[in-house]
Amino acid sequence: MITQRNKLIELLPHYGWEVINVEDHLRGSTGPDWFIDEFWEVESAWTPKGLKVWITFLVDPQAPTERKKGQGVWAVRAGLRKPPDSRIGDAEVYLSLNTGWEKRLPEFFNGLSDLRKQET
């Protein structure tokens, strides 16, 4: 997960996004936000400037409840609202972090651009 996280942080500015807040959610794997490993508040630097998107690193439901930071993360999702649960909705962008994830990055960033269009 660390490799994927670092790559996303590196590429976001190239696509007009700025990470403005990062929250670590490893506090406890059994609370209502058990499915979140890390949570980013991201803001658009392009039109519509200031649009906020939330990027969530999702924990696999079958991951051990006692896990280390980054362990058991299987996907990243982005949406215009904070995630209420672990499901991925239709209005969200999704990136599986399994083999070949780098090949899917353009699709993920195209999806982020589409989120901008929903708000204009």
Protein backbone atom coordinates (compact mmCIF):
# COMPACT_ATOMS: atom_id res chain seq x y z
CA MET A 1 0.00 0.00 0.00
CA ILE A 2 2.88 2.39 0.70
CA THR A 3 4.10 2.24 -2.91
CA GLN A 4 0.61 2.99 -4.23
CA ARG A 5 0.08 5.75 -1.65
CA ASN A 6 3.34 7.46 -2.61
CA LYS A 7 2.55 7.22 -6.32
CA LEU A 8 -0.88 8.81 -5.82
CA ILE A 9 0.61 11.66 -3.77
CA GLU A 10 3.18 12.21 -6.51
CA LEU A 11 0.63 12.24 -9.34
CA LEU A 12 -2.29 14.17 -7.81
CA PRO A 13 -0.74 17.64 -8.47
CA HIS A 14 -0.15 16.70 -12.13
CA TYR A 15 -3.91 16.22 -12.46
CA GLY A 16 -4.83 19.42 -10.60
CA TRP A 17 -5.42 18.04 -7.10
CA GLU A 18 -3.89 19.02 -3.78
CA VAL A 19 -3.99 16.91 -0.61
CA ILE A 20 -5.08 19.25 2.18
CA ASN A 21 -5.61 16.77 5.02
CA VAL A 22 -4.58 13.19 5.80
CA GLU A 23 -6.17 11.14 8.58
CA ASP A 24 -4.83 7.84 9.81
CA HIS A 25 -7.64 5.49 10.84
CA LEU A 26 -5.78 2.60 12.42
CA ARG A 27 -7.20 3.48 15.85
CA GLY A 28 -9.20 0.31 16.10
CA SER A 29 -10.22 -2.21 13.54
CA THR A 30 -13.62 -2.88 15.05
CA GLY A 31 -15.17 0.61 15.16
CA PRO A 32 -17.60 2.07 12.62
CA ASP A 33 -14.71 3.17 10.39
CA TRP A 34 -12.94 -0.22 10.46
CA PHE A 35 -12.78 -0.20 6.66
CA ILE A 36 -10.56 2.92 6.48
CA ASP A 37 -6.78 2.64 6.69
CA GLU A 38 -6.16 6.21 5.58
CA PHE A 39 -8.40 9.03 4.50
CA TRP A 40 -7.42 12.07 2.40
CA GLU A 41 -9.27 15.32 1.90
CA VAL A 42 -8.25 16.55 -1.55
CA GLU A 43 -9.04 19.88 -3.20
CA SER A 44 -9.15 20.77 -6.89
CA ALA A 45 -6.62 23.36 -8.04
CA TRP A 46 -8.37 23.44 -11.42
CA THR A 47 -11.94 24.45 -12.28
CA PRO A 48 -14.03 24.14 -10.24
CA LYS A 49 -11.30 25.37 -7.93
CA GLY A 50 -11.82 24.32 -4.33
CA LEU A 51 -13.97 21.27 -5.11
CA LYS A 52 -13.34 18.69 -2.39
CA VAL A 53 -12.95 14.98 -2.95
CA TRP A 54 -12.35 12.34 -0.30
CA ILE A 55 -9.92 9.53 -1.09
CA THR A 56 -10.15 6.45 1.10
CA PHE A 57 -7.74 3.53 1.35
CA LEU A 58 -10.05 0.58 1.97
CA VAL A 59 -9.27 -2.34 4.25
CA ASP A 60 -10.27 -5.81 3.08
CA PRO A 61 -13.18 -7.10 5.21
CA GLN A 62 -11.27 -10.37 5.63
CA ALA A 63 -8.10 -8.68 6.91
CA PRO A 64 -7.14 -9.48 10.49
CA THR A 65 -8.64 -7.10 13.04
CA GLU A 66 -5.19 -6.63 14.54
CA ARG A 67 -3.16 -5.32 11.61
CA LYS A 68 -0.33 -2.91 10.92
CA LYS A 69 -0.65 0.37 9.02
CA GLY A 70 -1.17 -0.38 5.32
CA GLN A 71 -1.76 -4.09 5.89
CA GLY A 72 -4.88 -5.52 4.28
CA VAL A 73 -5.56 -2.48 2.07
CA TRP A 74 -7.07 -3.71 -1.17
CA ALA A 75 -8.42 -0.60 -2.95
CA VAL A 76 -8.70 3.15 -3.10
CA ARG A 77 -11.96 4.96 -3.66
CA ALA A 78 -12.71 8.62 -4.24
CA GLY A 79 -15.99 10.47 -3.99
CA LEU A 80 -17.62 13.83 -3.39
CA ARG A 81 -18.74 12.80 0.10
CA LYS A 82 -17.04 11.21 3.07
CA PRO A 83 -17.55 7.45 2.92
CA PRO A 84 -20.35 6.24 5.20
CA ASP A 85 -19.41 2.56 4.81
CA SER A 86 -17.12 0.16 2.97
CA ARG A 87 -19.27 -0.22 -0.15
CA ILE A 88 -18.32 1.54 -3.36
CA GLY A 89 -21.15 3.62 -4.82
CA ASP A 90 -21.91 4.43 -8.44
CA ALA A 91 -20.82 8.06 -8.09
CA GLU A 92 -17.38 7.08 -6.82
CA VAL A 93 -14.06 6.33 -8.47
CA TYR A 94 -12.33 3.06 -7.64
CA LEU A 95 -8.76 1.74 -8.02
CA SER A 96 -7.98 -1.87 -7.13
CA LEU A 97 -4.48 -2.16 -5.68
CA ASN A 98 -3.86 -5.70 -6.87
CA THR A 99 -1.48 -6.69 -9.68
CA GLY A 100 -1.50 -4.21 -12.55
CA TRP A 101 -2.69 -1.26 -10.45
CA GLU A 102 -0.30 1.17 -12.21
CA LYS A 103 -1.90 0.39 -15.57
CA ARG A 104 -5.25 1.46 -14.11
CA LEU A 105 -4.00 4.85 -12.84
CA PRO A 106 -5.08 6.79 -15.97
CA GLU A 107 -8.62 5.42 -15.54
CA PHE A 108 -8.60 6.46 -11.87
CA PHE A 109 -7.49 10.01 -12.70
CA ASN A 110 -10.04 10.24 -15.53
CA GLY A 111 -12.65 9.32 -12.94
CA LEU A 112 -11.43 12.09 -10.66
CA SER A 113 -11.81 14.53 -13.57
CA ASP A 114 -15.34 13.26 -14.10
CA LEU A 115 -16.11 14.15 -10.47
CA ARG A 116 -15.21 17.75 -11.32
CA LYS A 117 -17.71 17.69 -14.19
CA GLN A 118 -20.48 16.52 -11.84
CA GLU A 119 -20.05 19.72 -9.84
CA THR A 120 -19.91 22.25 -12.69
